[in-house]
C-alpha atoms as a PDB file:
ATOM      1  CA  MET A   1      54.810  12.717  -1.829  1.00  0.00           C
ATOM      2  CA  GLY A   2      55.406  11.593   1.724  1.00  0.00           C
ATOM      3  CA  PRO A   3      57.585  13.148   4.395  1.00  0.00           C
ATOM      4  CA  ARG A   4      60.999  14.625   3.664  1.00  0.00           C
ATOM      5  CA  ILE A   5      63.662  12.947   5.788  1.00  0.00           C
ATOM      6  CA  LEU A   6      67.259  14.063   6.302  1.00  0.00           C
ATOM      7  CA  PHE A   7      69.881  11.449   7.182  1.00  0.00           C
ATOM      8  CA  SER A   8      72.506  13.278   9.258  1.00  0.00           C
ATOM      9  CA  ALA A   9      75.430  10.990   9.981  1.00  0.00           C
ATOM     10  CA  PRO A  10      79.108  10.829   9.034  1.00  0.00           C
ATOM     11  CA  GLU A  11      79.425  10.696   5.251  1.00  0.00           C
ATOM     12  CA  GLU A  12      80.714   7.112   5.154  1.00  0.00           C
ATOM     13  CA  GLN A  13      77.537   5.893   6.905  1.00  0.00           C
ATOM     14  CA  TRP A  14      75.183   6.978   4.088  1.00  0.00           C
ATOM     15  CA  PRO A  15      75.826   4.024   1.726  1.00  0.00           C
ATOM     16  CA  LEU A  16      75.534   1.595   4.644  1.00  0.00           C
ATOM     17  CA  TRP A  17      72.195   2.927   5.926  1.00  0.00           C
ATOM     18  CA  ARG A  18      70.471   4.130   2.731  1.00  0.00           C
ATOM     19  CA  PRO A  19      69.273   0.755   1.360  1.00  0.00           C
ATOM     20  CA  HIS A  20      68.036  -0.359   4.784  1.00  0.00           C
ATOM     21  CA  LEU A  21      66.157   2.866   5.452  1.00  0.00           C
ATOM     22  CA  LEU A  22      64.549   2.809   2.008  1.00  0.00           C
ATOM     23  CA  ALA A  23      63.559  -0.846   2.489  1.00  0.00           C
ATOM     24  CA  ALA A  24      62.068  -0.069   5.903  1.00  0.00           C
ATOM     25  CA  PHE A  25      60.076   2.841   4.476  1.00  0.00           C
ATOM     26  CA  ALA A  26      58.825   0.688   1.599  1.00  0.00           C
ATOM     27  CA  GLY A  27      57.945  -2.125   4.005  1.00  0.00           C
ATOM     28  CA  ALA A  28      55.854   0.327   6.007  1.00  0.00           C
ATOM     29  CA  GLY A  29      54.162   1.586   2.849  1.00  0.00           C
ATOM     30  CA  LEU A  30      55.771   4.986   3.312  1.00  0.00           C
ATOM     31  CA  GLU A  31      56.791   7.072   0.323  1.00  0.00           C
ATOM     32  CA  ALA A  32      59.554   9.212   1.764  1.00  0.00           C
ATOM     33  CA  ALA A  33      62.092  11.550   0.209  1.00  0.00           C
ATOM     34  CA  LEU A  34      65.364  10.526   1.883  1.00  0.00           C
ATOM     35  CA  THR A  35      68.509  12.608   1.467  1.00  0.00           C
ATOM     36  CA  ASP A  36      71.825  13.261   3.180  1.00  0.00           C
ATOM     37  CA  ASP A  37      72.001  16.849   1.903  1.00  0.00           C
ATOM     38  CA  PRO A  38      70.932  19.324   4.627  1.00  0.00           C
ATOM     39  CA  ALA A  39      70.406  22.156   2.113  1.00  0.00           C
ATOM     40  CA  GLY A  40      67.071  23.898   2.664  1.00  0.00           C
ATOM     41  CA  PRO A  41      66.756  22.697   6.280  1.00  0.00           C
ATOM     42  CA  TRP A  42      63.305  24.258   6.701  1.00  0.00           C
ATOM     43  CA  THR A  43      61.841  21.664   4.307  1.00  0.00           C
ATOM     44  CA  PHE A  44      62.461  18.501   6.354  1.00  0.00           C
ATOM     45  CA  ASP A  45      59.810  16.725   8.399  1.00  0.00           C
ATOM     46  CA  TYR A  46      62.157  14.308  10.191  1.00  0.00           C
ATOM     47  CA  LEU A  47      65.873  14.103  10.843  1.00  0.00           C
ATOM     48  CA  ILE A  48      67.633  10.776  11.401  1.00  0.00           C
ATOM     49  CA  HIS A  49      70.647  11.659  13.530  1.00  0.00           C
ATOM     50  CA  GLN A  50      73.932   9.990  14.347  1.00  0.00           C
ATOM     51  CA  PRO A  51      76.731  11.806  16.206  1.00  0.00           C
ATOM     52  CA  GLY A  52      79.425  13.142  13.921  1.00  0.00           C
ATOM     53  CA  GLY A  53      77.008  14.056  11.141  1.00  0.00           C
ATOM     54  CA  PRO A  54      76.629  17.498   9.580  1.00  0.00           C
ATOM     55  CA  VAL A  55      73.808  18.680  11.874  1.00  0.00           C
ATOM     56  CA  ALA A  56      74.580  19.913  15.378  1.00  0.00           C
ATOM     57  CA  ASP A  57      72.344  23.001  15.303  1.00  0.00           C
ATOM     58  CA  PHE A  58      68.656  22.156  14.878  1.00  0.00           C
ATOM     59  CA  THR A  59      67.477  25.783  14.847  1.00  0.00           C
ATOM     60  CA  PRO A  60      67.082  26.089  11.024  1.00  0.00           C
ATOM     61  CA  PHE A  61      64.871  22.973  10.897  1.00  0.00           C
ATOM     62  CA  THR A  62      61.588  24.754  11.559  1.00  0.00           C
ATOM     63  CA  ARG A  63      59.304  22.031  10.124  1.00  0.00           C
ATOM     64  CA  LEU A  64      60.735  19.082  12.054  1.00  0.00           C
ATOM     65  CA  LYS A  65      58.245  16.836  13.793  1.00  0.00           C
ATOM     66  CA  ALA A  66      60.917  14.682  15.438  1.00  0.00           C
ATOM     67  CA  VAL A  67      64.568  13.733  15.465  1.00  0.00           C
ATOM     68  CA  LEU A  68      65.280  10.001  15.351  1.00  0.00           C
ATOM     69  CA  SER A  69      68.537   8.927  16.964  1.00  0.00           C
ATOM     70  CA  LEU A  70      70.480   5.955  15.597  1.00  0.00           C
ATOM     71  CA  TRP A  71      72.959   6.009  18.465  1.00  0.00           C
ATOM     72  CA  ALA A  72      72.903   3.810  21.544  1.00  0.00           C
ATOM     73  CA  GLY A  73      72.236   6.393  24.218  1.00  0.00           C
ATOM     74  CA  VAL A  74      70.979   9.900  23.614  1.00  0.00           C
ATOM     75  CA  GLU A  75      73.317  11.706  25.999  1.00  0.00           C
ATOM     76  CA  GLY A  76      75.162  13.421  23.154  1.00  0.00           C
ATOM     77  CA  ILE A  77      72.034  15.068  21.773  1.00  0.00           C
ATOM     78  CA  VAL A  78      69.447  15.368  24.545  1.00  0.00           C
ATOM     79  CA  GLY A  79      71.210  18.359  26.135  1.00  0.00           C
ATOM     80  CA  ASN A  80      71.417  20.292  22.874  1.00  0.00           C
ATOM     81  CA  PRO A  81      69.484  23.543  23.503  1.00  0.00           C
ATOM     82  CA  THR A  82      68.618  23.890  19.788  1.00  0.00           C
ATOM     83  CA  LEU A  83      66.676  20.613  19.864  1.00  0.00           C
ATOM     84  CA  THR A  84      63.099  21.679  20.555  1.00  0.00           C
ATOM     85  CA  VAL A  85      61.162  18.819  18.925  1.00  0.00           C
ATOM     86  CA  PRO A  86      60.634  15.305  20.285  1.00  0.00           C
ATOM     87  CA  LEU A  87      63.644  12.991  20.223  1.00  0.00           C
ATOM     88  CA  CYS A  88      62.814   9.389  19.306  1.00  0.00           C
ATOM     89  CA  ARG A  89      65.163   6.493  19.929  1.00  0.00           C
ATOM     90  CA  MET A  90      65.144   3.652  17.423  1.00  0.00           C
ATOM     91  CA  VAL A  91      65.321   0.460  19.492  1.00  0.00           C
ATOM     92  CA  ASP A  92      66.310  -2.622  17.523  1.00  0.00           C
ATOM     93  CA  PRO A  93      65.817  -6.004  19.226  1.00  0.00           C
ATOM     94  CA  GLY A  94      68.701  -7.426  17.179  1.00  0.00           C
ATOM     95  CA  LEU A  95      71.053  -4.713  18.425  1.00  0.00           C
ATOM     96  CA  THR A  96      69.943  -5.342  22.000  1.00  0.00           C
ATOM     97  CA  ARG A  97      70.419  -9.107  21.683  1.00  0.00           C
ATOM     98  CA  GLY A  98      73.823  -8.679  20.061  1.00  0.00           C
ATOM     99  CA  MET A  99      74.957  -6.322  22.822  1.00  0.00           C
ATOM    100  CA  VAL A 100      73.740  -8.728  25.509  1.00  0.00           C
ATOM    101  CA  GLU A 101      75.672 -11.604  23.917  1.00  0.00           C
ATOM    102  CA  TRP A 102      78.850  -9.560  23.409  1.00  0.00           C
ATOM    103  CA  VAL A 103      78.904  -8.158  26.959  1.00  0.00           C
ATOM    104  CA  THR A 104      77.965 -11.502  28.524  1.00  0.00           C
ATOM    105  CA  ALA A 105      80.753 -13.243  26.593  1.00  0.00           C
ATOM    106  CA  HIS A 106      83.319 -10.768  27.879  1.00  0.00           C
ATOM    107  CA  VAL A 107      82.035 -10.822  31.449  1.00  0.00           C
ATOM    108  CA  LEU A 108      82.295 -14.613  31.423  1.00  0.00           C
ATOM    109  CA  ARG A 109      85.739 -14.422  29.788  1.00  0.00           C
ATOM    110  CA  TYR A 110      86.924 -12.224  32.654  1.00  0.00           C
ATOM    111  CA  HIS A 111      84.965 -14.148  35.309  1.00  0.00           C
ATOM    112  CA  VAL A 112      86.489 -17.527  34.532  1.00  0.00           C
ATOM    113  CA  GLY A 113      89.883 -16.029  33.673  1.00  0.00           C
ATOM    114  CA  SER A 114      90.016 -17.826  30.371  1.00  0.00           C
ATOM    115  CA  ASP A 115      92.814 -15.658  28.986  1.00  0.00           C
ATOM    116  CA  ALA A 116      95.189 -16.435  31.841  1.00  0.00           C
ATOM    117  CA  HIS A 117      94.104 -19.877  32.997  1.00  0.00           C
ATOM    118  CA  VAL A 118      92.701 -21.982  30.185  1.00  0.00           C
ATOM    119  CA  LEU A 119      95.259 -22.453  27.461  1.00  0.00           C
ATOM    120  CA  GLY A 120      95.058 -24.683  24.448  1.00  0.00           C
ATOM    121  CA  GLN A 121      92.374 -27.259  23.944  1.00  0.00           C
ATOM    122  CA  ASP A 122      93.186 -29.537  26.899  1.00  0.00           C
ATOM    123  CA  GLY A 123      90.769 -27.831  29.344  1.00  0.00           C
ATOM    124  CA  VAL A 124      93.342 -27.745  32.138  1.00  0.00           C
ATOM    125  CA  TRP A 125      93.099 -24.884  34.645  1.00  0.00           C
ATOM    126  CA  ARG A 126      96.494 -23.212  34.836  1.00  0.00           C
ATOM    127  CA  HIS A 127      98.168 -21.801  37.959  1.00  0.00           C
ATOM    128  CA  GLY A 128      95.853 -23.765  40.277  1.00  0.00           C
ATOM    129  CA  VAL A 129      93.231 -21.036  40.153  1.00  0.00           C
ATOM    130  CA  VAL A 130      89.572 -21.980  40.049  1.00  0.00           C
ATOM    131  CA  PRO A 131      87.209 -19.086  39.355  1.00  0.00           C
ATOM    132  CA  PRO A 132      84.492 -18.189  41.845  1.00  0.00           C
ATOM    133  CA  LEU A 133      80.869 -18.897  41.082  1.00  0.00           C
ATOM    134  CA  ALA A 134      78.813 -16.083  39.591  1.00  0.00           C
ATOM    135  CA  PRO A 135      77.005 -15.164  42.860  1.00  0.00           C
ATOM    136  CA  GLU A 136      80.435 -14.460  44.382  1.00  0.00           C
ATOM    137  CA  ARG A 137      81.204 -11.726  41.857  1.00  0.00           C
ATOM    138  CA  THR A 138      79.624  -8.281  41.397  1.00  0.00           C
ATOM    139  CA  VAL A 139      79.267  -6.817  37.910  1.00  0.00           C
ATOM    140  CA  ALA A 140      78.719  -3.062  37.559  1.00  0.00           C
ATOM    141  CA  ILE A 141      76.913  -1.715  34.507  1.00  0.00           C
ATOM    142  CA  LEU A 142      77.451   1.926  33.610  1.00  0.00           C
ATOM    143  CA  GLY A 143      74.170   3.053  32.110  1.00  0.00           C
ATOM    144  CA  LEU A 144      70.851   1.320  32.597  1.00  0.00           C
ATOM    145  CA  GLY A 145      69.147   2.374  29.401  1.00  0.00           C
ATOM    146  CA  GLU A 146      67.619  -0.092  26.958  1.00  0.00           C
ATOM    147  CA  LEU A 147      70.890  -1.987  26.393  1.00  0.00           C
ATOM    148  CA  GLY A 148      72.202  -1.776  29.952  1.00  0.00           C
ATOM    149  CA  ARG A 149      68.968  -3.130  31.446  1.00  0.00           C
ATOM    150  CA  ALA A 150      68.958  -6.054  28.996  1.00  0.00           C
ATOM    151  CA  VAL A 151      72.578  -6.896  29.827  1.00  0.00           C
ATOM    152  CA  ALA A 152      71.877  -6.594  33.567  1.00  0.00           C
ATOM    153  CA  ALA A 153      68.922  -8.978  33.281  1.00  0.00           C
ATOM    154  CA  ALA A 154      70.989 -11.565  31.397  1.00  0.00           C
ATOM    155  CA  LEU A 155      73.880 -11.419  33.865  1.00  0.00           C
ATOM    156  CA  HIS A 156      71.491 -11.521  36.833  1.00  0.00           C
ATOM    157  CA  GLY A 157      69.920 -14.595  35.245  1.00  0.00           C
ATOM    158  CA  LEU A 158      73.351 -16.245  35.335  1.00  0.00           C
ATOM    159  CA  GLY A 159      73.569 -15.504  39.062  1.00  0.00           C
ATOM    160  CA  PHE A 160      75.844 -12.446  39.083  1.00  0.00           C
ATOM    161  CA  ASP A 161      75.251  -9.692  41.616  1.00  0.00           C
ATOM    162  CA  VAL A 162      74.538  -6.805  39.247  1.00  0.00           C
ATOM    163  CA  VAL A 163      74.646  -3.113  40.121  1.00  0.00           C
ATOM    164  CA  GLY A 164      74.090  -0.144  37.837  1.00  0.00           C
END
């Protein structure tokens, strides 16, 4: 049998993630024992972690080779003194692209003032206000990790002055 993997996330996440994790393991030709039951913690090779799950103390997991984080940003786990094995981030290009599109849409929504100035389908600017061009506006990004850098690049490509 392959590695033993513990999925440590809030209970309601298990049914959402389980089929995708099993499919990914099968697609990689990996026979893994996947469970959400942390009983016998010394038996696990890997721990897939999401904040709010049952594991906050990694001390009993003496066989772990790595902890894999499902969360965007590792700030909530990287300072945990009981984490003594490598921490791996799972970076999904689809998640990155989706975040870039969502943030860009809302930056543009604010930038052009669409909520206050464009009403209905007639395309008329209300209140006589015309938005500035992108180079005239600075956008600050809090966090320049994988997602923040991708968002910054997209907004910079549109001409915004981007700081992080």
